[in-house]
Amino acid sequence: MSKMKLLLDLVEDLRTLADSVSAVADAIGSNGPSEDIKPEQVQEEKEITLEEVRGVLAEKSHAGFTAQIRNLLKKYGADKLSQIEPSNYKALIADAEGLK
């Protein structure tokens, strides 16, 4: 085969490929989400760990809120952080971050 014939075949293959890619793009575009999905629905609520709570409380304690931190622990029925129920971690952090 001559180089010219090879180039013409290559051009034809590229055109066919471009048509195929275009058809796939159109198919994907027409099959968009059937309902509006909000980003809040996609993100699952991350579980807060004991270490994260400890970090927040340590920051607040270093900032001079040690007595208030002790009162928060008592509010949640504990004398020390390890006695707090994990289900209360989020609320405890919110309360601690509210200290000013």
PDB file of N, CA and C in Angstrom:
ATOM      1  N   MET A   1       0.833  -1.183   0.000  1.00  0.00           N
ATOM      2  CA  MET A   1       0.000   0.000   0.000  1.00  0.00           C
ATOM      3  C   MET A   1       0.876   1.244   0.000  1.00  0.00           C
ATOM      4  N   SER A   2       0.360   2.234  -0.608  1.00  0.00           N
ATOM      5  CA  SER A   2       1.116   3.479  -0.643  1.00  0.00           C
ATOM      6  C   SER A   2       0.852   4.277   0.630  1.00  0.00           C
ATOM      7  N   LYS A   3       1.740   5.190   0.885  1.00  0.00           N
ATOM      8  CA  LYS A   3       1.584   6.026   2.077  1.00  0.00           C
ATOM      9  C   LYS A   3       0.307   6.856   1.997  1.00  0.00           C
ATOM     10  N   MET A   4      -0.037   7.286   0.805  1.00  0.00           N
ATOM     11  CA  MET A   4      -1.257   8.087   0.633  1.00  0.00           C
ATOM     12  C   MET A   4      -2.490   7.261   0.989  1.00  0.00           C
ATOM     13  N   LYS A   5      -2.538   6.022   0.579  1.00  0.00           N
ATOM     14  CA  LYS A   5      -3.681   5.141   0.891  1.00  0.00           C
ATOM     15  C   LYS A   5      -3.763   4.906   2.391  1.00  0.00           C
ATOM     16  N   LEU A   6      -2.611   4.694   3.053  1.00  0.00           N
ATOM     17  CA  LEU A   6      -2.594   4.513   4.504  1.00  0.00           C
ATOM     18  C   LEU A   6      -3.116   5.752   5.222  1.00  0.00           C
ATOM     19  N   LEU A   7      -2.723   6.923   4.770  1.00  0.00           N
ATOM     20  CA  LEU A   7      -3.202   8.164   5.376  1.00  0.00           C
ATOM     21  C   LEU A   7      -4.697   8.355   5.175  1.00  0.00           C
ATOM     22  N   LEU A   8      -5.203   8.016   3.999  1.00  0.00           N
ATOM     23  CA  LEU A   8      -6.639   8.126   3.734  1.00  0.00           C
ATOM     24  C   LEU A   8      -7.424   7.150   4.611  1.00  0.00           C
ATOM     25  N   ASP A   9      -6.897   5.945   4.795  1.00  0.00           N
ATOM     26  CA  ASP A   9      -7.539   4.970   5.681  1.00  0.00           C
ATOM     27  C   ASP A   9      -7.523   5.467   7.133  1.00  0.00           C
ATOM     28  N   LEU A  10      -6.417   6.066   7.534  1.00  0.00           N
ATOM     29  CA  LEU A  10      -6.311   6.612   8.892  1.00  0.00           C
ATOM     30  C   LEU A  10      -7.329   7.728   9.106  1.00  0.00           C
ATOM     31  N   VAL A  11      -7.467   8.613   8.137  1.00  0.00           N
ATOM     32  CA  VAL A  11      -8.437   9.708   8.233  1.00  0.00           C
ATOM     33  C   VAL A  11      -9.851   9.148   8.347  1.00  0.00           C
ATOM     34  N   GLU A  12     -10.154   8.130   7.558  1.00  0.00           N
ATOM     35  CA  GLU A  12     -11.490   7.519   7.610  1.00  0.00           C
ATOM     36  C   GLU A  12     -11.738   6.873   8.972  1.00  0.00           C
ATOM     37  N   ASP A  13     -10.719   6.192   9.507  1.00  0.00           N
ATOM     38  CA  ASP A  13     -10.854   5.574  10.833  1.00  0.00           C
ATOM     39  C   ASP A  13     -11.056   6.636  11.916  1.00  0.00           C
ATOM     40  N   LEU A  14     -10.342   7.741  11.812  1.00  0.00           N
ATOM     41  CA  LEU A  14     -10.502   8.826  12.787  1.00  0.00           C
ATOM     42  C   LEU A  14     -11.899   9.427  12.728  1.00  0.00           C
ATOM     43  N   ARG A  15     -12.435   9.581  11.538  1.00  0.00           N
ATOM     44  CA  ARG A  15     -13.804  10.103  11.401  1.00  0.00           C
ATOM     45  C   ARG A  15     -14.824   9.142  12.016  1.00  0.00           C
ATOM     46  N   THR A  16     -14.617   7.862  11.779  1.00  0.00           N
ATOM     47  CA  THR A  16     -15.506   6.846  12.365  1.00  0.00           C
ATOM     48  C   THR A  16     -15.420   6.885  13.886  1.00  0.00           C
ATOM     49  N   LEU A  17     -14.189   7.000  14.404  1.00  0.00           N
ATOM     50  CA  LEU A  17     -13.995   7.091  15.845  1.00  0.00           C
ATOM     51  C   LEU A  17     -14.676   8.335  16.409  1.00  0.00           C
ATOM     52  N   ALA A  18     -14.529   9.458  15.726  1.00  0.00           N
ATOM     53  CA  ALA A  18     -15.159  10.698  16.184  1.00  0.00           C
ATOM     54  C   ALA A  18     -16.682  10.565  16.215  1.00  0.00           C
ATOM     55  N   ASP A  19     -17.247   9.925  15.200  1.00  0.00           N
ATOM     56  CA  ASP A  19     -18.700   9.705  15.185  1.00  0.00           C
ATOM     57  C   ASP A  19     -19.125   8.815  16.346  1.00  0.00           C
ATOM     58  N   SER A  20     -18.330   7.785  16.630  1.00  0.00           N
ATOM     59  CA  SER A  20     -18.653   6.875  17.730  1.00  0.00           C
ATOM     60  C   SER A  20     -18.579   7.590  19.074  1.00  0.00           C
ATOM     61  N   VAL A  21     -17.544   8.388  19.266  1.00  0.00           N
ATOM     62  CA  VAL A  21     -17.404   9.149  20.510  1.00  0.00           C
ATOM     63  C   VAL A  21     -18.568  10.119  20.664  1.00  0.00           C
ATOM     64  N   SER A  22     -18.955  10.767  19.596  1.00  0.00           N
ATOM     65  CA  SER A  22     -20.082  11.695  19.633  1.00  0.00           C
ATOM     66  C   SER A  22     -21.383  10.969  20.006  1.00  0.00           C
ATOM     67  N   ALA A  23     -21.588   9.785  19.440  1.00  0.00           N
ATOM     68  CA  ALA A  23     -22.790   9.008  19.753  1.00  0.00           C
ATOM     69  C   ALA A  23     -22.811   8.592  21.214  1.00  0.00           C
ATOM     70  N   VAL A  24     -21.659   8.195  21.737  1.00  0.00           N
ATOM     71  CA  VAL A  24     -21.579   7.811  23.151  1.00  0.00           C
ATOM     72  C   VAL A  24     -21.857   9.019  24.037  1.00  0.00           C
ATOM     73  N   ALA A  25     -21.277  10.168  23.713  1.00  0.00           N
ATOM     74  CA  ALA A  25     -21.501  11.384  24.495  1.00  0.00           C
ATOM     75  C   ALA A  25     -22.978  11.772  24.498  1.00  0.00           C
ATOM     76  N   ASP A  26     -23.635  11.661  23.343  1.00  0.00           N
ATOM     77  CA  ASP A  26     -25.070  11.963  23.264  1.00  0.00           C
ATOM     78  C   ASP A  26     -25.877  10.993  24.114  1.00  0.00           C
ATOM     79  N   ALA A  27     -25.514   9.726  24.094  1.00  0.00           N
ATOM     80  CA  ALA A  27     -26.233   8.725  24.881  1.00  0.00           C
ATOM     81  C   ALA A  27     -26.071   8.992  26.371  1.00  0.00           C
ATOM     82  N   ILE A  28     -24.868   9.338  26.778  1.00  0.00           N
ATOM     83  CA  ILE A  28     -24.629   9.629  28.192  1.00  0.00           C
ATOM     84  C   ILE A  28     -25.387  10.886  28.598  1.00  0.00           C
ATOM     85  N   GLY A  29     -25.374  11.903  27.734  1.00  0.00           N
ATOM     86  CA  GLY A  29     -26.068  13.158  28.037  1.00  0.00           C
ATOM     87  C   GLY A  29     -27.564  12.996  28.170  1.00  0.00           C
ATOM     88  N   SER A  30     -28.136  12.106  27.382  1.00  0.00           N
ATOM     89  CA  SER A  30     -29.587  11.920  27.449  1.00  0.00           C
ATOM     90  C   SER A  30     -30.012  11.033  28.612  1.00  0.00           C
ATOM     91  N   ASN A  31     -29.066  10.342  29.226  1.00  0.00           N
ATOM     92  CA  ASN A  31     -29.366   9.482  30.376  1.00  0.00           C
ATOM     93  C   ASN A  31     -28.927  10.132  31.680  1.00  0.00           C
ATOM     94  N   GLY A  32     -29.102  11.432  31.801  1.00  0.00           N
ATOM     95  CA  GLY A  32     -28.720  12.163  33.003  1.00  0.00           C
ATOM     96  C   GLY A  32     -29.539  11.703  34.194  1.00  0.00           C
ATOM     97  N   PRO A  33     -29.240  12.246  35.366  1.00  0.00           N
ATOM     98  CA  PRO A  33     -29.975  11.855  36.566  1.00  0.00           C
ATOM     99  C   PRO A  33     -31.463  12.149  36.421  1.00  0.00           C
ATOM    100  N   SER A  34     -32.269  11.219  36.855  1.00  0.00           N
ATOM    101  CA  SER A  34     -33.712  11.377  36.715  1.00  0.00           C
ATOM    102  C   SER A  34     -34.297  12.274  37.795  1.00  0.00           C
ATOM    103  N   GLU A  35     -33.547  12.510  38.851  1.00  0.00           N
ATOM    104  CA  GLU A  35     -34.008  13.396  39.911  1.00  0.00           C
ATOM    105  C   GLU A  35     -32.856  14.273  40.342  1.00  0.00           C
ATOM    106  N   ASP A  36     -33.187  15.413  40.877  1.00  0.00           N
ATOM    107  CA  ASP A  36     -32.146  16.312  41.348  1.00  0.00           C
ATOM    108  C   ASP A  36     -31.585  15.769  42.647  1.00  0.00           C
ATOM    109  N   ILE A  37     -30.287  15.559  42.673  1.00  0.00           N
ATOM    110  CA  ILE A  37     -29.628  15.051  43.871  1.00  0.00           C
ATOM    111  C   ILE A  37     -28.847  16.204  44.480  1.00  0.00           C
ATOM    112  N   LYS A  38     -29.154  16.501  45.716  1.00  0.00           N
ATOM    113  CA  LYS A  38     -28.473  17.576  46.402  1.00  0.00           C
ATOM    114  C   LYS A  38     -27.178  17.033  47.004  1.00  0.00           C
ATOM    115  N   PRO A  39     -26.134  17.864  47.053  1.00  0.00           N
ATOM    116  CA  PRO A  39     -24.868  17.393  47.631  1.00  0.00           C
ATOM    117  C   PRO A  39     -25.021  16.889  49.059  1.00  0.00           C
ATOM    118  N   GLU A  40     -25.956  17.454  49.805  1.00  0.00           N
ATOM    119  CA  GLU A  40     -26.155  17.010  51.185  1.00  0.00           C
ATOM    120  C   GLU A  40     -26.632  15.560  51.224  1.00  0.00           C
ATOM    121  N   GLN A  41     -27.385  15.151  50.211  1.00  0.00           N
ATOM    122  CA  GLN A  41     -27.901  13.789  50.172  1.00  0.00           C
ATOM    123  C   GLN A  41     -26.805  12.792  49.832  1.00  0.00           C
ATOM    124  N   VAL A  42     -25.806  13.249  49.085  1.00  0.00           N
ATOM    125  CA  VAL A  42     -24.742  12.352  48.657  1.00  0.00           C
ATOM    126  C   VAL A  42     -23.768  12.093  49.796  1.00  0.00           C
ATOM    127  N   GLN A  43     -23.449  13.126  50.533  1.00  0.00           N
ATOM    128  CA  GLN A  43     -22.500  12.966  51.625  1.00  0.00           C
ATOM    129  C   GLN A  43     -23.165  12.275  52.805  1.00  0.00           C
ATOM    130  N   GLU A  44     -22.506  11.233  53.262  1.00  0.00           N
ATOM    131  CA  GLU A  44     -22.992  10.579  54.467  1.00  0.00           C
ATOM    132  C   GLU A  44     -22.384  11.305  55.653  1.00  0.00           C
ATOM    133  N   GLU A  45     -23.127  11.330  56.741  1.00  0.00           N
ATOM    134  CA  GLU A  45     -22.616  12.006  57.911  1.00  0.00           C
ATOM    135  C   GLU A  45     -21.464  11.202  58.499  1.00  0.00           C
ATOM    136  N   LYS A  46     -20.334  11.868  58.645  1.00  0.00           N
ATOM    137  CA  LYS A  46     -19.132  11.222  59.143  1.00  0.00           C
ATOM    138  C   LYS A  46     -19.250  11.039  60.650  1.00  0.00           C
ATOM    139  N   GLU A  47     -18.874   9.860  61.126  1.00  0.00           N
ATOM    140  CA  GLU A  47     -18.885   9.622  62.566  1.00  0.00           C
ATOM    141  C   GLU A  47     -17.717  10.347  63.212  1.00  0.00           C
ATOM    142  N   ILE A  48     -17.981  10.962  64.336  1.00  0.00           N
ATOM    143  CA  ILE A  48     -16.950  11.686  65.064  1.00  0.00           C
ATOM    144  C   ILE A  48     -16.269  10.705  66.007  1.00  0.00           C
ATOM    145  N   THR A  49     -14.952  10.754  66.022  1.00  0.00           N
ATOM    146  CA  THR A  49     -14.186   9.828  66.852  1.00  0.00           C
ATOM    147  C   THR A  49     -13.845  10.472  68.196  1.00  0.00           C
ATOM    148  N   LEU A  50     -13.482   9.621  69.139  1.00  0.00           N
ATOM    149  CA  LEU A  50     -13.060  10.081  70.456  1.00  0.00           C
ATOM    150  C   LEU A  50     -11.855  11.012  70.329  1.00  0.00           C
ATOM    151  N   GLU A  51     -10.949  10.687  69.420  1.00  0.00           N
ATOM    152  CA  GLU A  51      -9.751  11.507  69.239  1.00  0.00           C
ATOM    153  C   GLU A  51     -10.099  12.906  68.734  1.00  0.00           C
ATOM    154  N   GLU A  52     -11.098  12.999  67.862  1.00  0.00           N
ATOM    155  CA  GLU A  52     -11.519  14.309  67.368  1.00  0.00           C
ATOM    156  C   GLU A  52     -12.115  15.145  68.496  1.00  0.00           C
ATOM    157  N   VAL A  53     -12.939  14.517  69.321  1.00  0.00           N
ATOM    158  CA  VAL A  53     -13.533  15.227  70.455  1.00  0.00           C
ATOM    159  C   VAL A  53     -12.431  15.664  71.413  1.00  0.00           C
ATOM    160  N   ARG A  54     -11.507  14.761  71.682  1.00  0.00           N
ATOM    161  CA  ARG A  54     -10.397  15.070  72.586  1.00  0.00           C
ATOM    162  C   ARG A  54      -9.605  16.272  72.060  1.00  0.00           C
ATOM    163  N   GLY A  55      -9.392  16.327  70.753  1.00  0.00           N
ATOM    164  CA  GLY A  55      -8.654  17.445  70.169  1.00  0.00           C
ATOM    165  C   GLY A  55      -9.366  18.774  70.358  1.00  0.00           C
ATOM    166  N   VAL A  56     -10.663  18.789  70.119  1.00  0.00           N
ATOM    167  CA  VAL A  56     -11.445  20.019  70.287  1.00  0.00           C
ATOM    168  C   VAL A  56     -11.433  20.461  71.749  1.00  0.00           C
ATOM    169  N   LEU A  57     -11.652  19.505  72.653  1.00  0.00           N
ATOM    170  CA  LEU A  57     -11.677  19.851  74.078  1.00  0.00           C
ATOM    171  C   LEU A  57     -10.300  20.306  74.560  1.00  0.00           C
ATOM    172  N   ALA A  58      -9.242  19.713  74.042  1.00  0.00           N
ATOM    173  CA  ALA A  58      -7.889  20.122  74.433  1.00  0.00           C
ATOM    174  C   ALA A  58      -7.619  21.559  73.994  1.00  0.00           C
ATOM    175  N   GLU A  59      -8.040  21.898  72.778  1.00  0.00           N
ATOM    176  CA  GLU A  59      -7.873  23.277  72.294  1.00  0.00           C
ATOM    177  C   GLU A  59      -8.586  24.260  73.215  1.00  0.00           C
ATOM    178  N   LYS A  60      -9.817  23.929  73.567  1.00  0.00           N
ATOM    179  CA  LYS A  60     -10.608  24.821  74.417  1.00  0.00           C
ATOM    180  C   LYS A  60      -9.999  24.906  75.816  1.00  0.00           C
ATOM    181  N   SER A  61      -9.486  23.790  76.316  1.00  0.00           N
ATOM    182  CA  SER A  61      -8.856  23.783  77.625  1.00  0.00           C
ATOM    183  C   SER A  61      -7.615  24.662  77.625  1.00  0.00           C
ATOM    184  N   HIS A  62      -6.811  24.563  76.581  1.00  0.00           N
ATOM    185  CA  HIS A  62      -5.615  25.398  76.468  1.00  0.00           C
ATOM    186  C   HIS A  62      -5.977  26.874  76.324  1.00  0.00           C
ATOM    187  N   ALA A  63      -7.163  27.144  75.819  1.00  0.00           N
ATOM    188  CA  ALA A  63      -7.625  28.522  75.657  1.00  0.00           C
ATOM    189  C   ALA A  63      -8.225  29.082  76.937  1.00  0.00           C
ATOM    190  N   GLY A  64      -8.207  28.282  78.016  1.00  0.00           N
ATOM    191  CA  GLY A  64      -8.678  28.775  79.310  1.00  0.00           C
ATOM    192  C   GLY A  64     -10.084  28.358  79.690  1.00  0.00           C
ATOM    193  N   PHE A  65     -10.636  27.380  79.009  1.00  0.00           N
ATOM    194  CA  PHE A  65     -12.005  26.950  79.289  1.00  0.00           C
ATOM    195  C   PHE A  65     -12.067  25.612  80.027  1.00  0.00           C
ATOM    196  N   THR A  66     -11.057  25.311  80.841  1.00  0.00           N
ATOM    197  CA  THR A  66     -10.992  24.007  81.506  1.00  0.00           C
ATOM    198  C   THR A  66     -12.203  23.762  82.402  1.00  0.00           C
ATOM    199  N   ALA A  67     -12.588  24.754  83.175  1.00  0.00           N
ATOM    200  CA  ALA A  67     -13.735  24.586  84.077  1.00  0.00           C
ATOM    201  C   ALA A  67     -15.020  24.362  83.276  1.00  0.00           C
ATOM    202  N   GLN A  68     -15.179  25.081  82.189  1.00  0.00           N
ATOM    203  CA  GLN A  68     -16.369  24.921  81.361  1.00  0.00           C
ATOM    204  C   GLN A  68     -16.388  23.536  80.694  1.00  0.00           C
ATOM    205  N   ILE A  69     -15.227  23.038  80.328  1.00  0.00           N
ATOM    206  CA  ILE A  69     -15.137  21.692  79.742  1.00  0.00           C
ATOM    207  C   ILE A  69     -15.585  20.659  80.765  1.00  0.00           C
ATOM    208  N   ARG A  70     -15.137  20.810  82.003  1.00  0.00           N
ATOM    209  CA  ARG A  70     -15.567  19.874  83.067  1.00  0.00           C
ATOM    210  C   ARG A  70     -17.084  19.915  83.233  1.00  0.00           C
ATOM    211  N   ASN A  71     -17.653  21.124  83.177  1.00  0.00           N
ATOM    212  CA  ASN A  71     -19.105  21.257  83.296  1.00  0.00           C
ATOM    213  C   ASN A  71     -19.825  20.586  82.125  1.00  0.00           C
ATOM    214  N   LEU A  72     -19.245  20.694  80.921  1.00  0.00           N
ATOM    215  CA  LEU A  72     -19.848  20.028  79.761  1.00  0.00           C
ATOM    216  C   LEU A  72     -19.824  18.509  79.935  1.00  0.00           C
ATOM    217  N   LEU A  73     -18.728  17.993  80.435  1.00  0.00           N
ATOM    218  CA  LEU A  73     -18.652  16.544  80.662  1.00  0.00           C
ATOM    219  C   LEU A  73     -19.734  16.103  81.646  1.00  0.00           C
ATOM    220  N   LYS A  74     -19.919  16.884  82.707  1.00  0.00           N
ATOM    221  CA  LYS A  74     -20.960  16.558  83.685  1.00  0.00           C
ATOM    222  C   LYS A  74     -22.350  16.662  83.069  1.00  0.00           C
ATOM    223  N   LYS A  75     -22.520  17.632  82.165  1.00  0.00           N
ATOM    224  CA  LYS A  75     -23.796  17.789  81.471  1.00  0.00           C
ATOM    225  C   LYS A  75     -24.169  16.500  80.745  1.00  0.00           C
ATOM    226  N   TYR A  76     -23.156  15.819  80.220  1.00  0.00           N
ATOM    227  CA  TYR A  76     -23.394  14.571  79.492  1.00  0.00           C
ATOM    228  C   TYR A  76     -23.214  13.341  80.382  1.00  0.00           C
ATOM    229  N   GLY A  77     -23.226  13.554  81.691  1.00  0.00           N
ATOM    230  CA  GLY A  77     -23.231  12.444  82.644  1.00  0.00           C
ATOM    231  C   GLY A  77     -21.907  11.735  82.819  1.00  0.00           C
ATOM    232  N   ALA A  78     -20.809  12.472  82.728  1.00  0.00           N
ATOM    233  CA  ALA A  78     -19.508  11.823  82.841  1.00  0.00           C
ATOM    234  C   ALA A  78     -18.538  12.704  83.619  1.00  0.00           C
ATOM    235  N   ASP A  79     -17.560  12.035  84.221  1.00  0.00           N
ATOM    236  CA  ASP A  79     -16.479  12.751  84.891  1.00  0.00           C
ATOM    237  C   ASP A  79     -15.270  12.892  83.979  1.00  0.00           C
ATOM    238  N   LYS A  80     -15.185  12.001  82.982  1.00  0.00           N
ATOM    239  CA  LYS A  80     -14.077  12.087  82.030  1.00  0.00           C
ATOM    240  C   LYS A  80     -14.590  11.750  80.637  1.00  0.00           C
ATOM    241  N   LEU A  81     -13.844  12.176  79.645  1.00  0.00           N
ATOM    242  CA  LEU A  81     -14.278  12.065  78.262  1.00  0.00           C
ATOM    243  C   LEU A  81     -14.574  10.629  77.849  1.00  0.00           C
ATOM    244  N   SER A  82     -13.791   9.682  78.303  1.00  0.00           N
ATOM    245  CA  SER A  82     -13.988   8.293  77.890  1.00  0.00           C
ATOM    246  C   SER A  82     -15.328   7.722  78.344  1.00  0.00           C
ATOM    247  N   GLN A  83     -15.999   8.398  79.269  1.00  0.00           N
ATOM    248  CA  GLN A  83     -17.303   7.930  79.740  1.00  0.00           C
ATOM    249  C   GLN A  83     -18.473   8.481  78.916  1.00  0.00           C
ATOM    250  N   ILE A  84     -18.178   9.389  78.005  1.00  0.00           N
ATOM    251  CA  ILE A  84     -19.226   9.983  77.165  1.00  0.00           C
ATOM    252  C   ILE A  84     -19.643   8.978  76.098  1.00  0.00           C
ATOM    253  N   GLU A  85     -20.931   8.875  75.876  1.00  0.00           N
ATOM    254  CA  GLU A  85     -21.453   7.999  74.822  1.00  0.00           C
ATOM    255  C   GLU A  85     -21.078   8.577  73.454  1.00  0.00           C
ATOM    256  N   PRO A  86     -20.613   7.746  72.527  1.00  0.00           N
ATOM    257  CA  PRO A  86     -20.264   8.237  71.192  1.00  0.00           C
ATOM    258  C   PRO A  86     -21.419   8.973  70.496  1.00  0.00           C
ATOM    259  N   SER A  87     -22.639   8.627  70.812  1.00  0.00           N
ATOM    260  CA  SER A  87     -23.780   9.309  70.193  1.00  0.00           C
ATOM    261  C   SER A  87     -23.871  10.779  70.625  1.00  0.00           C
ATOM    262  N   ASN A  88     -23.174  11.140  71.705  1.00  0.00           N
ATOM    263  CA  ASN A  88     -23.187  12.523  72.194  1.00  0.00           C
ATOM    264  C   ASN A  88     -21.996  13.344  71.721  1.00  0.00           C
ATOM    265  N   TYR A  89     -21.077  12.740  70.972  1.00  0.00           N
ATOM    266  CA  TYR A  89     -19.864  13.443  70.549  1.00  0.00           C
ATOM    267  C   TYR A  89     -20.176  14.706  69.754  1.00  0.00           C
ATOM    268  N   LYS A  90     -21.081  14.609  68.814  1.00  0.00           N
ATOM    269  CA  LYS A  90     -21.396  15.755  67.957  1.00  0.00           C
ATOM    270  C   LYS A  90     -21.937  16.916  68.789  1.00  0.00           C
ATOM    271  N   ALA A  91     -22.854  16.626  69.687  1.00  0.00           N
ATOM    272  CA  ALA A  91     -23.436  17.674  70.534  1.00  0.00           C
ATOM    273  C   ALA A  91     -22.388  18.254  71.479  1.00  0.00           C
ATOM    274  N   LEU A  92     -21.515  17.405  72.000  1.00  0.00           N
ATOM    275  CA  LEU A  92     -20.460  17.865  72.901  1.00  0.00           C
ATOM    276  C   LEU A  92     -19.516  18.816  72.170  1.00  0.00           C
ATOM    277  N   ILE A  93     -19.135  18.463  70.963  1.00  0.00           N
ATOM    278  CA  ILE A  93     -18.274  19.342  70.176  1.00  0.00           C
ATOM    279  C   ILE A  93     -18.971  20.665  69.902  1.00  0.00           C
ATOM    280  N   ALA A  94     -20.244  20.620  69.557  1.00  0.00           N
ATOM    281  CA  ALA A  94     -20.996  21.854  69.294  1.00  0.00           C
ATOM    282  C   ALA A  94     -21.024  22.733  70.534  1.00  0.00           C
ATOM    283  N   ASP A  95     -21.264  22.118  71.699  1.00  0.00           N
ATOM    284  CA  ASP A  95     -21.269  22.886  72.946  1.00  0.00           C
ATOM    285  C   ASP A  95     -19.884  23.481  73.233  1.00  0.00           C
ATOM    286  N   ALA A  96     -18.845  22.693  73.026  1.00  0.00           N
ATOM    287  CA  ALA A  96     -17.480  23.164  73.292  1.00  0.00           C
ATOM    288  C   ALA A  96     -17.107  24.301  72.343  1.00  0.00           C
ATOM    289  N   GLU A  97     -17.481  24.164  71.093  1.00  0.00           N
ATOM    290  CA  GLU A  97     -17.155  25.235  70.141  1.00  0.00           C
ATOM    291  C   GLU A  97     -17.928  26.517  70.433  1.00  0.00           C
ATOM    292  N   GLY A  98     -19.023  26.390  71.168  1.00  0.00           N
ATOM    293  CA  GLY A  98     -19.797  27.568  71.541  1.00  0.00           C
ATOM    294  C   GLY A  98     -19.210  28.325  72.716  1.00  0.00           C
ATOM    295  N   LEU A  99     -18.190  27.774  73.373  1.00  0.00           N
ATOM    296  CA  LEU A  99     -17.562  28.446  74.514  1.00  0.00           C
ATOM    297  C   LEU A  99     -16.764  29.648  74.020  1.00  0.00           C
ATOM    298  N   LYS A 100     -17.027  30.788  74.676  1.00  0.00           N
ATOM    299  CA  LYS A 100     -16.299  32.023  74.310  1.00  0.00           C
ATOM    300  C   LYS A 100     -16.000  32.826  75.524  1.00  0.00           C
TER     301      LYS A 100
END
